Structure formats: C-alpha cells, structure tokens
Amino acid sequence: MLNKLCLACCLFALFSCAAKKQLVERKADTALVKTQTITAPVTNGNVIDNFKVDKINTIKLKQTVFNTFSGKAAAKLTIDGKENNVTMVIRIKKGEGIWIAVTAILGVEVARAVITPDSISVMNRLESNYLKKPFSYIYQYTSNQINYKTLESALIGNAIPELLNNDAELKPDNGDLVLSGTLQELVYKLIIGPDLRVTQTNMTNPAAGQAVEIANTQFIQVGTRIVPSQVTLSSTEKERSIKVDLHYTKADFDLPVEFPFSIPARYSPVN
C-alpha cells in the first residue's frame, strides 16, 4: 500500500498545481466572453478559424511563466478505494526536475520522489526501499503522450502545451469555451473559464482503458500570478484507480530550491 502511495504522489505530482495567499473568486467578466462569442464571425454554426486561433493565442498568454516553484499542500489520496491523508511538499526547477516529499499525520516523512525528463526515483522510508525507473515507467498508468513538460504545466495550473493547437475544435458553452480534439490515440477536452484559464482537463485513451481528469475549483493570487489551490485529480487504468484532493496552503515562485535525495546504503531496490 505504501509503495502505491509513493507512486501515486510521484504520479500526481504530474497533475496538480499550487498556491497560497488570499483566495481569488472566479468572478471573471462573463458578459465580456458572451459578447465575444456572440459577435465573433460564424460559419455554419461554428466559430471560424481566425477567432479560434486568436483565442488559443490569448490562452497561451495567460499561462504562468516561472523558473522555480515551491509549494505545500494537504492531500487526500484514494488508491484503489483506500484513503490516505498526507502532506506534500513540491518543488520544481523548470525543465530540470520535480521534487516531492510526503509526510504522514504525525509529521513523519514516509516517502520522497524526484522526477526528471528521463527518470523517476522514489524512496520508501518506512520500508527502507527505493524505486528507480526511466520516465516511461509512468505509461503503465497514463498515456504515452504525457511527457515531463506536461507534468510541469499541470503542477502549476497551466494548460498542457500539446493540447493548445490549432487543429483542436473550439466551441462556446454557457460562458465557457470548450477546446477538444485528439493527439494520436489520446482524446482530450479542456474547459476554459471566462478569464481564459483552464478549469478542467479530461484525457482518455479508450484503447488502453486509461482516463485522467483534472479539476481546478479555487484560484489564489501569488504575487502577480493566479494559480489553482483546490485541485481534484482522478486517474483510472483498467483495474487501477487513483484520486487526489489537494489543498495548497503555501506557494512561492522563483526562489532558490534544492532537491535533496540520497538513498541510504541499507535500502533495497524494488520493482
């Protein structure tokens, strides 16, 4: 169970984001979006390409730009129906690595993980063992279209870059925008709020029986950045299922971060 918990923390570092300070209610200018939707040129009931391209470019401009990130969150992990309450500390160096430490209720660190563009490493401190695998190991749990940049984007609330492409279909829906399409065998749908921030991402691989859903329901302001703090994530892969509810209580950008990860000699490897 603990090995699954460690892996879940590592994997759901894939799909979350960060923050603290005063809560920002999503009172974006819905009327503005509705006006844009109504006045945009339309052909046969569909928004024409120029409008779609403009909106996608604007969504890209809304993405959070950063060099480093560090955050702390209370998390409820549900793995194959079993719940675990933990605290997670997450650090990111853009393009280099993601570091995660997991502590139990009594403040005892039970796991530590590092994800890089090439590898995944997890330490299980309670059972004195460790896991070291290439990055492709996560494809047992999710689609091969997920890469390291995908994980960084999801952790800070950015849209997954590969999904913001001009081949996708863009439609208005009750003041929101829905961006949908396929990426090889991956079928995806993004729900984008009136402020052009992603509130929900659905990704499925029907052939492999894999599905991931990410929902951002609360946003907070960290300096000049607005990022999600309440995140619900769920992943299913045939008989496996993982769900995480995150509440971030602390977040900082562009401060120095370190990735301490030293495996004691007495620890044994596991598969």
C-alpha atoms as a PDB file:
ATOM      1  CA  MET A   1       0.000   0.000   0.000  1.00  0.00           C
ATOM      2  CA  LEU A   2       2.818   2.379   0.873  1.00  0.00           C
ATOM      3  CA  ASN A   3       4.557   1.646  -2.425  1.00  0.00           C
ATOM      4  CA  LYS A   4       1.321   2.563  -4.216  1.00  0.00           C
ATOM      5  CA  LEU A   5       1.096   5.726  -2.099  1.00  0.00           C
ATOM      6  CA  CYS A   6       4.658   6.734  -3.017  1.00  0.00           C
ATOM      7  CA  LEU A   7       3.992   6.112  -6.687  1.00  0.00           C
ATOM      8  CA  ALA A   8       0.696   7.971  -6.519  1.00  0.00           C
ATOM      9  CA  CYS A   9       2.411  11.015  -5.035  1.00  0.00           C
ATOM     10  CA  CYS A  10       5.001  10.801  -7.785  1.00  0.00           C
ATOM     11  CA  LEU A  11       2.364  10.432 -10.477  1.00  0.00           C
ATOM     12  CA  PHE A  12       0.065  13.093  -9.147  1.00  0.00           C
ATOM     13  CA  ALA A  13       2.911  15.441  -8.983  1.00  0.00           C
ATOM     14  CA  LEU A  14       2.082  15.076 -12.630  1.00  0.00           C
ATOM     15  CA  PHE A  15      -1.322  16.573 -12.327  1.00  0.00           C
ATOM     16  CA  SER A  16      -1.624  19.387  -9.819  1.00  0.00           C
ATOM     17  CA  CYS A  17      -0.723  22.970  -9.107  1.00  0.00           C
ATOM     18  CA  ALA A  18      -0.034  25.358  -6.371  1.00  0.00           C
ATOM     19  CA  ALA A  19      -0.550  28.261  -4.078  1.00  0.00           C
ATOM     20  CA  LYS A  20      -1.491  30.382  -1.109  1.00  0.00           C
ATOM     21  CA  LYS A  21      -2.477  33.924  -0.068  1.00  0.00           C
ATOM     22  CA  GLN A  22      -5.916  35.427  -0.390  1.00  0.00           C
ATOM     23  CA  LEU A  23      -8.450  33.484  -2.390  1.00  0.00           C
ATOM     24  CA  VAL A  24      -9.496  34.919  -5.712  1.00  0.00           C
ATOM     25  CA  GLU A  25     -13.105  34.156  -6.575  1.00  0.00           C
ATOM     26  CA  ARG A  26     -13.658  33.385 -10.230  1.00  0.00           C
ATOM     27  CA  LYS A  27     -15.798  36.456 -10.864  1.00  0.00           C
ATOM     28  CA  ALA A  28     -14.382  36.963 -14.343  1.00  0.00           C
ATOM     29  CA  ASP A  29     -16.219  39.088 -16.828  1.00  0.00           C
ATOM     30  CA  THR A  30     -18.668  36.511 -18.140  1.00  0.00           C
ATOM     31  CA  ALA A  31     -20.551  39.188 -20.031  1.00  0.00           C
ATOM     32  CA  LEU A  32     -17.405  40.026 -21.990  1.00  0.00           C
ATOM     33  CA  VAL A  33     -16.891  36.430 -23.041  1.00  0.00           C
ATOM     34  CA  LYS A  34     -20.532  36.143 -24.050  1.00  0.00           C
ATOM     35  CA  THR A  35     -20.213  39.319 -26.096  1.00  0.00           C
ATOM     36  CA  GLN A  36     -17.113  37.980 -27.828  1.00  0.00           C
ATOM     37  CA  THR A  37     -18.856  34.701 -28.535  1.00  0.00           C
ATOM     38  CA  ILE A  38     -21.921  36.411 -29.981  1.00  0.00           C
ATOM     39  CA  THR A  39     -20.067  38.902 -32.170  1.00  0.00           C
ATOM     40  CA  ALA A  40     -17.345  36.523 -33.409  1.00  0.00           C
ATOM     41  CA  PRO A  41     -17.694  35.590 -37.111  1.00  0.00           C
ATOM     42  CA  VAL A  42     -19.565  32.317 -37.507  1.00  0.00           C
ATOM     43  CA  THR A  43     -19.772  29.901 -40.422  1.00  0.00           C
ATOM     44  CA  ASN A  44     -22.351  27.099 -40.404  1.00  0.00           C
ATOM     45  CA  GLY A  45     -22.758  27.462 -36.648  1.00  0.00           C
ATOM     46  CA  ASN A  46     -19.022  27.049 -35.873  1.00  0.00           C
ATOM     47  CA  VAL A  47     -16.579  29.750 -34.799  1.00  0.00           C
ATOM     48  CA  ILE A  48     -14.267  30.393 -37.747  1.00  0.00           C
ATOM     49  CA  ASP A  49     -10.536  29.698 -37.603  1.00  0.00           C
ATOM     50  CA  ASN A  50      -9.387  33.287 -37.087  1.00  0.00           C
ATOM     51  CA  PHE A  51     -11.424  33.560 -33.892  1.00  0.00           C
ATOM     52  CA  LYS A  52     -10.186  30.157 -32.689  1.00  0.00           C
ATOM     53  CA  VAL A  53      -6.541  30.978 -33.355  1.00  0.00           C
ATOM     54  CA  ASP A  54      -6.900  34.329 -31.575  1.00  0.00           C
ATOM     55  CA  LYS A  55      -8.451  32.678 -28.508  1.00  0.00           C
ATOM     56  CA  ILE A  56      -5.830  29.921 -28.359  1.00  0.00           C
ATOM     57  CA  ASN A  57      -3.061  32.518 -28.572  1.00  0.00           C
ATOM     58  CA  THR A  58      -4.703  34.503 -25.757  1.00  0.00           C
ATOM     59  CA  ILE A  59      -4.954  31.352 -23.606  1.00  0.00           C
ATOM     60  CA  LYS A  60      -1.237  30.769 -24.175  1.00  0.00           C
ATOM     61  CA  LEU A  61      -0.514  34.308 -22.952  1.00  0.00           C
ATOM     62  CA  LYS A  62      -2.426  33.503 -19.734  1.00  0.00           C
ATOM     63  CA  GLN A  63      -0.025  30.693 -18.819  1.00  0.00           C
ATOM     64  CA  THR A  64       2.148  31.149 -15.724  1.00  0.00           C
ATOM     65  CA  VAL A  65       5.790  31.892 -16.518  1.00  0.00           C
ATOM     66  CA  PHE A  66       8.300  30.741 -13.888  1.00  0.00           C
ATOM     67  CA  ASN A  67      11.807  29.456 -13.243  1.00  0.00           C
ATOM     68  CA  THR A  68      11.221  27.663  -9.926  1.00  0.00           C
ATOM     69  CA  PHE A  69       8.220  26.751  -7.805  1.00  0.00           C
ATOM     70  CA  SER A  70       7.825  25.505  -4.233  1.00  0.00           C
ATOM     71  CA  GLY A  71       4.533  24.627  -2.555  1.00  0.00           C
ATOM     72  CA  LYS A  72       2.982  22.747   0.365  1.00  0.00           C
ATOM     73  CA  ALA A  73      -0.418  21.030   0.320  1.00  0.00           C
ATOM     74  CA  ALA A  74      -2.722  18.939   2.469  1.00  0.00           C
ATOM     75  CA  ALA A  75      -3.759  15.955   0.364  1.00  0.00           C
ATOM     76  CA  LYS A  76      -6.218  13.100   0.491  1.00  0.00           C
ATOM     77  CA  LEU A  77      -5.093  10.212  -1.675  1.00  0.00           C
ATOM     78  CA  THR A  78      -7.522   7.452  -2.584  1.00  0.00           C
ATOM     79  CA  ILE A  79      -5.775   4.465  -4.130  1.00  0.00           C
ATOM     80  CA  ASP A  80      -7.954   1.574  -5.277  1.00  0.00           C
ATOM     81  CA  GLY A  81     -10.607   2.697  -2.788  1.00  0.00           C
ATOM     82  CA  LYS A  82      -8.271   3.181   0.218  1.00  0.00           C
ATOM     83  CA  GLU A  83      -7.875   6.704   1.608  1.00  0.00           C
ATOM     84  CA  ASN A  84      -4.650   8.250   2.953  1.00  0.00           C
ATOM     85  CA  ASN A  85      -4.251  11.753   4.441  1.00  0.00           C
ATOM     86  CA  VAL A  86      -0.783  13.198   3.915  1.00  0.00           C
ATOM     87  CA  THR A  87       1.106  16.454   3.481  1.00  0.00           C
ATOM     88  CA  MET A  88       3.050  17.025   0.280  1.00  0.00           C
ATOM     89  CA  VAL A  89       5.889  19.446  -0.387  1.00  0.00           C
ATOM     90  CA  ILE A  90       6.553  20.023  -4.095  1.00  0.00           C
ATOM     91  CA  ARG A  91       9.479  21.822  -5.701  1.00  0.00           C
ATOM     92  CA  ILE A  92      10.128  22.416  -9.392  1.00  0.00           C
ATOM     93  CA  LYS A  93      13.090  23.615 -11.424  1.00  0.00           C
ATOM     94  CA  LYS A  94      11.667  24.336 -14.837  1.00  0.00           C
ATOM     95  CA  GLY A  95      12.931  21.864 -17.415  1.00  0.00           C
ATOM     96  CA  GLU A  96      15.135  20.055 -14.888  1.00  0.00           C
ATOM     97  CA  GLY A  97      13.202  18.274 -12.178  1.00  0.00           C
ATOM     98  CA  ILE A  98      10.266  17.901  -9.797  1.00  0.00           C
ATOM     99  CA  TRP A  99      10.940  17.009  -6.135  1.00  0.00           C
ATOM    100  CA  ILE A 100       8.263  15.708  -3.738  1.00  0.00           C
ATOM    101  CA  ALA A 101       8.350  14.891  -0.013  1.00  0.00           C
ATOM    102  CA  VAL A 102       5.393  13.140   1.625  1.00  0.00           C
ATOM    103  CA  THR A 103       4.727  13.193   5.379  1.00  0.00           C
ATOM    104  CA  ALA A 104       2.102  11.341   7.404  1.00  0.00           C
ATOM    105  CA  ILE A 105      -0.245  12.830  10.025  1.00  0.00           C
ATOM    106  CA  LEU A 106       2.371  12.758  12.800  1.00  0.00           C
ATOM    107  CA  GLY A 107       4.863  14.685  10.675  1.00  0.00           C
ATOM    108  CA  VAL A 108       6.989  11.643   9.815  1.00  0.00           C
ATOM    109  CA  GLU A 109       8.316  11.664   6.265  1.00  0.00           C
ATOM    110  CA  VAL A 110       7.244   8.431   4.596  1.00  0.00           C
ATOM    111  CA  ALA A 111       8.349   8.989   1.014  1.00  0.00           C
ATOM    112  CA  ARG A 112      10.448  11.175  -1.233  1.00  0.00           C
ATOM    113  CA  ALA A 113      10.445  11.319  -5.037  1.00  0.00           C
ATOM    114  CA  VAL A 114      12.304  13.020  -7.883  1.00  0.00           C
ATOM    115  CA  ILE A 115      11.013  13.216 -11.453  1.00  0.00           C
ATOM    116  CA  THR A 116      13.284  14.378 -14.275  1.00  0.00           C
ATOM    117  CA  PRO A 117      12.765  14.412 -18.054  1.00  0.00           C
ATOM    118  CA  ASP A 118      14.463  10.997 -18.148  1.00  0.00           C
ATOM    119  CA  SER A 119      13.732   9.206 -14.874  1.00  0.00           C
ATOM    120  CA  ILE A 120      11.565   8.640 -11.795  1.00  0.00           C
ATOM    121  CA  SER A 121      13.025   7.827  -8.361  1.00  0.00           C
ATOM    122  CA  VAL A 122      11.021   7.106  -5.196  1.00  0.00           C
ATOM    123  CA  MET A 123      12.248   6.369  -1.634  1.00  0.00           C
ATOM    124  CA  ASN A 124      10.002   4.462   0.786  1.00  0.00           C
ATOM    125  CA  ARG A 125      11.356   5.460   4.188  1.00  0.00           C
ATOM    126  CA  LEU A 126       9.046   3.211   6.210  1.00  0.00           C
ATOM    127  CA  GLU A 127      10.064   0.027   4.426  1.00  0.00           C
ATOM    128  CA  SER A 128      13.656   1.089   3.621  1.00  0.00           C
ATOM    129  CA  ASN A 129      13.456   0.502  -0.107  1.00  0.00           C
ATOM    130  CA  TYR A 130      13.522   2.532  -3.299  1.00  0.00           C
ATOM    131  CA  LEU A 131      12.339   2.565  -6.892  1.00  0.00           C
ATOM    132  CA  LYS A 132      14.373   3.840  -9.850  1.00  0.00           C
ATOM    133  CA  LYS A 133      12.823   3.719 -13.303  1.00  0.00           C
ATOM    134  CA  PRO A 134      13.019   5.549 -16.638  1.00  0.00           C
ATOM    135  CA  PHE A 135      10.365   8.197 -17.198  1.00  0.00           C
ATOM    136  CA  SER A 136       8.489   5.781 -19.465  1.00  0.00           C
ATOM    137  CA  TYR A 137       7.516   3.807 -16.334  1.00  0.00           C
ATOM    138  CA  ILE A 138       4.524   6.122 -15.859  1.00  0.00           C
ATOM    139  CA  TYR A 139       2.991   4.819 -19.072  1.00  0.00           C
ATOM    140  CA  GLN A 140       1.708   1.873 -17.063  1.00  0.00           C
ATOM    141  CA  TYR A 141      -0.686   4.394 -15.509  1.00  0.00           C
ATOM    142  CA  THR A 142      -1.193   7.051 -18.155  1.00  0.00           C
ATOM    143  CA  SER A 143      -0.910   7.783 -21.872  1.00  0.00           C
ATOM    144  CA  ASN A 144       2.436   7.935 -23.709  1.00  0.00           C
ATOM    145  CA  GLN A 145       1.542  11.475 -24.795  1.00  0.00           C
ATOM    146  CA  ILE A 146       2.322  12.584 -21.217  1.00  0.00           C
ATOM    147  CA  ASN A 147       5.862  13.952 -21.013  1.00  0.00           C
ATOM    148  CA  TYR A 148       7.892  15.867 -18.478  1.00  0.00           C
ATOM    149  CA  LYS A 149       6.721  19.274 -19.761  1.00  0.00           C
ATOM    150  CA  THR A 150       3.146  18.042 -19.412  1.00  0.00           C
ATOM    151  CA  LEU A 151       3.761  17.376 -15.731  1.00  0.00           C
ATOM    152  CA  GLU A 152       5.304  20.765 -15.058  1.00  0.00           C
ATOM    153  CA  SER A 153       2.392  22.519 -16.768  1.00  0.00           C
ATOM    154  CA  ALA A 154      -0.215  20.599 -14.773  1.00  0.00           C
ATOM    155  CA  LEU A 155       1.550  21.227 -11.455  1.00  0.00           C
ATOM    156  CA  ILE A 156       1.265  24.997 -11.734  1.00  0.00           C
ATOM    157  CA  GLY A 157      -2.162  25.111 -13.385  1.00  0.00           C
ATOM    158  CA  ASN A 158      -1.032  25.770 -16.936  1.00  0.00           C
ATOM    159  CA  ALA A 159      -2.743  24.197 -19.927  1.00  0.00           C
ATOM    160  CA  ILE A 160      -0.875  21.201 -21.301  1.00  0.00           C
ATOM    161  CA  PRO A 161       1.045  22.748 -24.242  1.00  0.00           C
ATOM    162  CA  GLU A 162       0.371  19.997 -26.778  1.00  0.00           C
ATOM    163  CA  LEU A 163      -3.389  20.436 -26.330  1.00  0.00           C
ATOM    164  CA  LEU A 164      -3.326  24.128 -27.303  1.00  0.00           C
ATOM    165  CA  ASN A 165      -3.064  23.511 -31.022  1.00  0.00           C
ATOM    166  CA  ASN A 166      -4.954  24.962 -33.966  1.00  0.00           C
ATOM    167  CA  ASP A 167      -6.233  21.539 -35.040  1.00  0.00           C
ATOM    168  CA  ALA A 168      -8.444  21.379 -31.947  1.00  0.00           C
ATOM    169  CA  GLU A 169     -12.117  22.324 -32.073  1.00  0.00           C
ATOM    170  CA  LEU A 170     -13.188  25.399 -30.084  1.00  0.00           C
ATOM    171  CA  LYS A 171     -16.820  25.975 -29.087  1.00  0.00           C
ATOM    172  CA  PRO A 172     -18.602  28.328 -26.651  1.00  0.00           C
ATOM    173  CA  ASP A 173     -20.565  26.650 -23.834  1.00  0.00           C
ATOM    174  CA  ASN A 174     -22.572  28.690 -21.276  1.00  0.00           C
ATOM    175  CA  GLY A 175     -19.933  31.425 -20.960  1.00  0.00           C
ATOM    176  CA  ASP A 176     -17.020  28.977 -21.042  1.00  0.00           C
ATOM    177  CA  LEU A 177     -15.004  27.740 -24.004  1.00  0.00           C
ATOM    178  CA  VAL A 178     -14.521  24.040 -24.761  1.00  0.00           C
ATOM    179  CA  LEU A 179     -11.368  23.003 -26.613  1.00  0.00           C
ATOM    180  CA  SER A 180     -11.402  19.381 -27.780  1.00  0.00           C
ATOM    181  CA  GLY A 181      -9.506  17.113 -30.118  1.00  0.00           C
ATOM    182  CA  THR A 182      -7.242  14.089 -30.427  1.00  0.00           C
ATOM    183  CA  LEU A 183      -3.491  13.703 -30.039  1.00  0.00           C
ATOM    184  CA  GLN A 184      -2.606  10.385 -31.632  1.00  0.00           C
ATOM    185  CA  GLU A 185      -4.704   7.906 -29.583  1.00  0.00           C
ATOM    186  CA  LEU A 186      -5.351  10.457 -26.801  1.00  0.00           C
ATOM    187  CA  VAL A 187      -8.806  12.100 -26.784  1.00  0.00           C
ATOM    188  CA  TYR A 188      -8.905  15.364 -24.819  1.00  0.00           C
ATOM    189  CA  LYS A 189     -11.250  18.137 -23.744  1.00  0.00           C
ATOM    190  CA  LEU A 190     -10.378  21.383 -21.942  1.00  0.00           C
ATOM    191  CA  ILE A 191     -12.959  23.618 -20.292  1.00  0.00           C
ATOM    192  CA  ILE A 192     -11.725  27.208 -20.240  1.00  0.00           C
ATOM    193  CA  GLY A 193     -13.354  29.775 -17.977  1.00  0.00           C
ATOM    194  CA  PRO A 194     -14.396  33.355 -18.826  1.00  0.00           C
ATOM    195  CA  ASP A 195     -10.954  34.589 -17.747  1.00  0.00           C
ATOM    196  CA  LEU A 196      -9.385  32.131 -20.250  1.00  0.00           C
ATOM    197  CA  ARG A 197      -7.871  29.900 -17.548  1.00  0.00           C
ATOM    198  CA  VAL A 198      -8.293  26.142 -17.731  1.00  0.00           C
ATOM    199  CA  THR A 199     -10.756  24.833 -15.126  1.00  0.00           C
ATOM    200  CA  GLN A 200     -10.960  21.222 -16.252  1.00  0.00           C
ATOM    201  CA  THR A 201      -8.904  18.847 -18.383  1.00  0.00           C
ATOM    202  CA  ASN A 202     -10.103  15.410 -19.487  1.00  0.00           C
ATOM    203  CA  MET A 203      -7.769  12.991 -21.264  1.00  0.00           C
ATOM    204  CA  THR A 204      -8.711   9.463 -22.300  1.00  0.00           C
ATOM    205  CA  ASN A 205      -7.097   6.639 -24.201  1.00  0.00           C
ATOM    206  CA  PRO A 206     -10.047   4.354 -24.986  1.00  0.00           C
ATOM    207  CA  ALA A 207      -7.921   1.578 -26.489  1.00  0.00           C
ATOM    208  CA  ALA A 208      -5.759   1.325 -23.355  1.00  0.00           C
ATOM    209  CA  GLY A 209      -8.622   1.900 -20.910  1.00  0.00           C
ATOM    210  CA  GLN A 210      -6.873   4.956 -19.431  1.00  0.00           C
ATOM    211  CA  ALA A 211      -8.510   8.194 -18.274  1.00  0.00           C
ATOM    212  CA  VAL A 212      -7.315  11.272 -16.382  1.00  0.00           C
ATOM    213  CA  GLU A 213      -9.437  14.179 -15.130  1.00  0.00           C
ATOM    214  CA  ILE A 214      -8.089  17.389 -13.566  1.00  0.00           C
ATOM    215  CA  ALA A 215     -10.478  19.937 -11.999  1.00  0.00           C
ATOM    216  CA  ASN A 216      -9.364  23.343 -10.670  1.00  0.00           C
ATOM    217  CA  THR A 217     -12.124  24.786  -8.488  1.00  0.00           C
ATOM    218  CA  GLN A 218     -10.415  27.562  -6.465  1.00  0.00           C
ATOM    219  CA  PHE A 219      -7.801  30.080  -7.566  1.00  0.00           C
ATOM    220  CA  ILE A 220      -5.476  32.229  -5.457  1.00  0.00           C
ATOM    221  CA  GLN A 221      -3.047  35.026  -6.134  1.00  0.00           C
ATOM    222  CA  VAL A 222       0.666  34.562  -5.538  1.00  0.00           C
ATOM    223  CA  GLY A 223       2.405  37.847  -6.238  1.00  0.00           C
ATOM    224  CA  THR A 224       1.347  38.732  -9.776  1.00  0.00           C
ATOM    225  CA  ARG A 225       0.343  35.156 -10.625  1.00  0.00           C
ATOM    226  CA  ILE A 226      -3.060  33.490 -10.294  1.00  0.00           C
ATOM    227  CA  VAL A 227      -2.938  29.718  -9.835  1.00  0.00           C
ATOM    228  CA  PRO A 228      -5.264  26.940  -8.609  1.00  0.00           C
ATOM    229  CA  SER A 229      -5.158  25.930  -4.941  1.00  0.00           C
ATOM    230  CA  GLN A 230      -8.062  23.465  -4.842  1.00  0.00           C
ATOM    231  CA  VAL A 231      -7.386  20.616  -7.235  1.00  0.00           C
ATOM    232  CA  THR A 232      -9.180  17.317  -7.676  1.00  0.00           C
ATOM    233  CA  LEU A 233      -7.445  14.711  -9.799  1.00  0.00           C
ATOM    234  CA  SER A 234      -8.502  11.232 -10.774  1.00  0.00           C
ATOM    235  CA  SER A 235      -6.816   8.585 -12.896  1.00  0.00           C
ATOM    236  CA  THR A 236      -8.051   5.158 -13.923  1.00  0.00           C
ATOM    237  CA  GLU A 237      -6.212   2.462 -15.827  1.00  0.00           C
ATOM    238  CA  LYS A 238      -8.194  -0.762 -16.195  1.00  0.00           C
ATOM    239  CA  GLU A 239      -8.340  -2.185 -12.652  1.00  0.00           C
ATOM    240  CA  ARG A 240      -6.208   0.585 -11.078  1.00  0.00           C
ATOM    241  CA  SER A 241      -7.634   3.869  -9.800  1.00  0.00           C
ATOM    242  CA  ILE A 242      -6.056   6.859  -8.072  1.00  0.00           C
ATOM    243  CA  LYS A 243      -7.736  10.055  -6.868  1.00  0.00           C
ATOM    244  CA  VAL A 244      -6.184  13.001  -5.084  1.00  0.00           C
ATOM    245  CA  ASP A 245      -7.788  16.039  -3.466  1.00  0.00           C
ATOM    246  CA  LEU A 246      -5.244  18.819  -2.924  1.00  0.00           C
ATOM    247  CA  HIS A 247      -5.482  21.985  -0.860  1.00  0.00           C
ATOM    248  CA  TYR A 248      -2.389  24.161  -1.203  1.00  0.00           C
ATOM    249  CA  THR A 249      -1.505  26.228   1.845  1.00  0.00           C
ATOM    250  CA  LYS A 250       1.801  27.700   0.677  1.00  0.00           C
ATOM    251  CA  ALA A 251       3.337  28.628  -2.667  1.00  0.00           C
ATOM    252  CA  ASP A 252       6.302  30.625  -3.944  1.00  0.00           C
ATOM    253  CA  PHE A 253       7.809  31.241  -7.355  1.00  0.00           C
ATOM    254  CA  ASP A 254      11.374  31.943  -8.468  1.00  0.00           C
ATOM    255  CA  LEU A 255      13.053  31.313  -5.101  1.00  0.00           C
ATOM    256  CA  PRO A 256      16.130  29.051  -4.770  1.00  0.00           C
ATOM    257  CA  VAL A 257      15.102  25.377  -4.410  1.00  0.00           C
ATOM    258  CA  GLU A 258      17.051  22.231  -3.588  1.00  0.00           C
ATOM    259  CA  PHE A 259      16.361  18.557  -4.354  1.00  0.00           C
ATOM    260  CA  PRO A 260      17.938  16.523  -1.516  1.00  0.00           C
ATOM    261  CA  PHE A 261      17.662  12.841  -2.473  1.00  0.00           C
ATOM    262  CA  SER A 262      20.227  10.403  -1.097  1.00  0.00           C
ATOM    263  CA  ILE A 263      19.389   6.708  -0.858  1.00  0.00           C
ATOM    264  CA  PRO A 264      20.904   5.060   2.260  1.00  0.00           C
ATOM    265  CA  ALA A 265      23.130   2.053   1.608  1.00  0.00           C
ATOM    266  CA  ARG A 266      20.823  -0.244   3.610  1.00  0.00           C
ATOM    267  CA  TYR A 267      17.832   0.458   1.319  1.00  0.00           C
ATOM    268  CA  SER A 268      16.961  -2.272  -1.159  1.00  0.00           C
ATOM    269  CA  PRO A 269      15.622  -1.772  -4.713  1.00  0.00           C
ATOM    270  CA  VAL A 270      12.053  -2.783  -5.623  1.00  0.00           C
ATOM    271  CA  ASN A 271      10.341  -3.259  -8.974  1.00  0.00           C
END
